[in-house]
Amino acid sequence: MEHGPYKAIVNGAFEYEDLSPAQLDAASSGKGKHHILNGPVSLHAEILETDFFQKRYVIKVNGNVYEVRLQDAMDQLVNRLGLSIKTTHRVKDIKAPMPGLVRRIEVSPGQEIKEGDPILILEAMKMENVLKSPGEGRIAKVLVSEGAPVEKGQVLIEVE
């Protein structure tokens, strides 16, 4: 993802605009946990869920859980132009968004999938990430097995 400005939609109700990661002073405190300084405010944040395709994150900040959806500049432009109407998107291949280890495969050959269906669990940087289908299709081949290491961009599943 680029470095902003972002728009964040929190819990589907609150919107924050013109956000940039450069505005925050953040330090990792291990295993998906971060200590963040935003001006004089100190926050403890933990990433609980990540969906890179949908730009959706579930985070815990100072003990409270939030669902955050991010929109980059392109997403915001598409919305302003009224082009955000959903259309059916056919999937061809599902690739690894990052290097990691396949923990669990949620689909099998011949299975019909729809956008948002869980495909597999990928462990990366000691966090489990649920990879979801970016569109519709039928699983043709599963090219990885549980426990297998994968590289960023590697084709994990072929879809027809």
Protein backbone atom coordinates (compact mmCIF):
# COMPACT_ATOMS: atom_id res chain seq x y z
CA MET A 1 0.00 0.00 0.00
CA GLU A 2 1.11 3.52 -0.60
CA HIS A 3 1.75 5.93 2.27
CA GLY A 4 -1.50 7.91 2.35
CA PRO A 5 -3.51 9.92 2.58
CA TYR A 6 -5.93 7.28 3.78
CA LYS A 7 -9.53 7.34 4.83
CA ALA A 8 -10.40 4.98 7.69
CA ILE A 9 -13.91 3.70 8.36
CA VAL A 10 -14.12 2.37 11.92
CA ASN A 11 -16.86 -0.10 12.88
CA GLY A 12 -18.75 0.93 9.74
CA ALA A 13 -19.84 4.18 11.39
CA PHE A 14 -16.99 6.61 12.00
CA GLU A 15 -14.87 8.09 9.19
CA TYR A 16 -11.46 9.69 9.51
CA GLU A 17 -9.87 11.39 6.49
CA ASP A 18 -6.39 12.53 5.43
CA LEU A 19 -4.60 9.97 7.60
CA SER A 20 -0.94 9.20 7.06
CA PRO A 21 1.20 6.61 8.87
CA ALA A 22 3.92 9.29 9.06
CA GLN A 23 1.73 11.16 11.59
CA LEU A 24 2.24 8.42 14.18
CA ASP A 25 5.27 7.41 16.20
CA ALA A 26 4.90 3.61 16.39
CA ALA A 27 7.16 0.89 17.73
CA SER A 28 6.60 -2.85 17.54
CA SER A 29 6.33 -4.57 20.90
CA GLY A 30 6.23 -8.09 19.41
CA LYS A 31 3.75 -10.55 17.85
CA GLY A 32 1.44 -8.04 16.15
CA LYS A 33 1.54 -5.65 19.09
CA HIS A 34 2.54 -2.01 18.82
CA HIS A 35 3.02 0.99 21.07
CA ILE A 36 1.86 4.18 19.34
CA LEU A 37 2.33 7.83 20.24
CA ASN A 38 -0.11 10.23 18.59
CA GLY A 39 0.98 13.60 19.94
CA PRO A 40 0.65 13.36 23.74
CA VAL A 41 -1.60 10.26 23.56
CA SER A 42 -0.08 6.83 24.22
CA LEU A 43 -1.85 3.78 22.72
CA HIS A 44 -1.30 0.04 22.90
CA ALA A 45 -2.52 -1.68 19.72
CA GLU A 46 -2.71 -5.32 18.66
CA ILE A 47 -3.61 -6.54 15.16
CA LEU A 48 -6.13 -9.39 15.56
CA GLU A 49 -7.19 -9.97 11.91
CA THR A 50 -5.88 -8.86 8.54
CA ASP A 51 -7.58 -9.00 5.13
CA PHE A 52 -5.18 -7.41 2.64
CA PHE A 53 -7.51 -7.82 -0.36
CA GLN A 54 -10.38 -5.95 1.29
CA LYS A 55 -8.07 -3.56 3.21
CA ARG A 56 -9.87 -4.63 6.40
CA TYR A 57 -8.27 -5.00 9.81
CA VAL A 58 -9.53 -5.93 13.25
CA ILE A 59 -7.44 -4.25 15.93
CA LYS A 60 -7.52 -3.95 19.68
CA VAL A 61 -6.56 -0.50 20.99
CA ASN A 62 -6.20 -0.06 24.76
CA GLY A 63 -8.48 -3.09 25.28
CA ASN A 64 -11.24 -2.04 22.81
CA VAL A 65 -11.76 -3.98 19.55
CA TYR A 66 -12.36 -2.11 16.27
CA GLU A 67 -12.93 -3.11 12.66
CA VAL A 68 -11.05 -0.70 10.40
CA ARG A 69 -11.44 -0.47 6.63
CA LEU A 70 -8.86 1.63 4.83
CA GLN A 71 -9.35 3.49 1.56
CA ASP A 72 -6.29 4.76 -0.29
CA ALA A 73 -6.39 7.72 -2.69
CA MET A 74 -7.57 5.53 -5.59
CA ASP A 75 -10.41 3.97 -3.55
CA GLN A 76 -11.53 7.46 -2.52
CA LEU A 77 -11.48 8.69 -6.12
CA VAL A 78 -13.53 5.70 -7.31
CA ASN A 79 -16.12 6.44 -4.60
CA ARG A 80 -16.27 10.17 -5.46
CA LEU A 81 -16.86 9.29 -9.13
CA GLY A 82 -19.67 6.92 -8.16
CA LEU A 83 -17.87 3.91 -9.64
CA SER A 84 -17.92 1.80 -6.50
CA ILE A 85 -20.88 -0.30 -7.63
CA LYS A 86 -20.09 -3.97 -7.04
CA THR A 87 -19.75 -6.21 -10.07
CA THR A 88 -19.06 -9.91 -10.24
CA HIS A 89 -15.35 -10.55 -10.45
CA ARG A 90 -14.06 -13.88 -11.75
CA VAL A 91 -10.88 -15.11 -10.11
CA LYS A 92 -8.09 -16.80 -12.04
CA ASP A 93 -5.31 -17.56 -9.56
CA ILE A 94 -4.90 -16.85 -5.88
CA LYS A 95 -1.37 -15.81 -4.97
CA ALA A 96 0.41 -15.34 -1.66
CA PRO A 97 0.35 -11.65 -0.65
CA MET A 98 3.46 -12.21 1.50
CA PRO A 99 5.92 -14.98 2.38
CA GLY A 100 4.70 -17.32 5.07
CA LEU A 101 3.64 -20.80 6.10
CA VAL A 102 0.35 -22.43 5.04
CA ARG A 103 -1.46 -23.34 8.27
CA ARG A 104 -4.82 -24.57 6.96
CA ILE A 105 -6.50 -24.95 3.56
CA GLU A 106 -10.22 -24.15 3.62
CA VAL A 107 -11.13 -25.23 0.04
CA SER A 108 -10.86 -28.27 -2.18
CA PRO A 109 -10.87 -28.88 -5.96
CA GLY A 110 -14.31 -28.51 -7.53
CA GLN A 111 -15.61 -26.24 -4.78
CA GLU A 112 -17.48 -23.07 -5.82
CA ILE A 113 -16.21 -19.90 -4.14
CA LYS A 114 -17.62 -16.40 -3.83
CA GLU A 115 -15.97 -13.11 -2.97
CA GLY A 116 -14.98 -13.05 0.69
CA ASP A 117 -14.99 -16.82 1.20
CA PRO A 118 -12.02 -17.98 3.31
CA ILE A 119 -9.47 -19.79 1.14
CA LEU A 120 -6.59 -20.58 3.48
CA ILE A 121 -4.80 -19.51 6.63
CA LEU A 122 -1.29 -18.13 6.05
CA GLU A 123 1.03 -17.55 8.99
CA ALA A 124 3.37 -14.62 8.46
CA MET A 125 5.43 -12.77 11.07
CA LYS A 126 3.88 -14.98 13.80
CA MET A 127 0.36 -13.86 12.85
CA GLU A 128 -2.36 -15.95 11.21
CA ASN A 129 -3.89 -14.23 8.18
CA VAL A 130 -7.11 -15.45 6.60
CA LEU A 131 -6.80 -15.19 2.82
CA LYS A 132 -10.23 -14.66 1.32
CA SER A 133 -11.40 -15.00 -2.25
CA PRO A 134 -11.22 -11.70 -4.15
CA GLY A 135 -14.00 -12.92 -6.48
CA GLU A 136 -16.03 -15.86 -7.75
CA GLY A 137 -15.03 -19.13 -9.40
CA ARG A 138 -14.48 -22.85 -8.94
CA ILE A 139 -11.33 -24.30 -7.39
CA ALA A 140 -9.38 -26.10 -10.13
CA LYS A 141 -6.22 -27.05 -8.22
CA VAL A 142 -4.72 -26.52 -4.79
CA LEU A 143 -0.98 -26.14 -5.44
CA VAL A 144 0.23 -26.06 -1.81
CA SER A 145 -0.19 -28.27 1.22
CA GLU A 146 -0.65 -27.51 4.89
CA GLY A 147 2.67 -26.76 6.56
CA ALA A 148 4.33 -25.70 3.29
CA PRO A 149 6.36 -22.47 3.15
CA VAL A 150 5.36 -20.03 0.37
CA GLU A 151 6.93 -16.96 -1.21
CA LYS A 152 5.24 -13.65 -1.99
CA GLY A 153 3.48 -13.86 -5.36
CA GLN A 154 3.53 -17.67 -5.45
CA VAL A 155 0.35 -19.17 -6.97
CA LEU A 156 -1.39 -21.05 -4.17
CA ILE A 157 -4.66 -22.03 -5.83
CA GLU A 158 -5.78 -22.16 -9.46
CA VAL A 159 -9.38 -21.12 -10.08
CA GLU A 160 -11.43 -21.81 -13.22
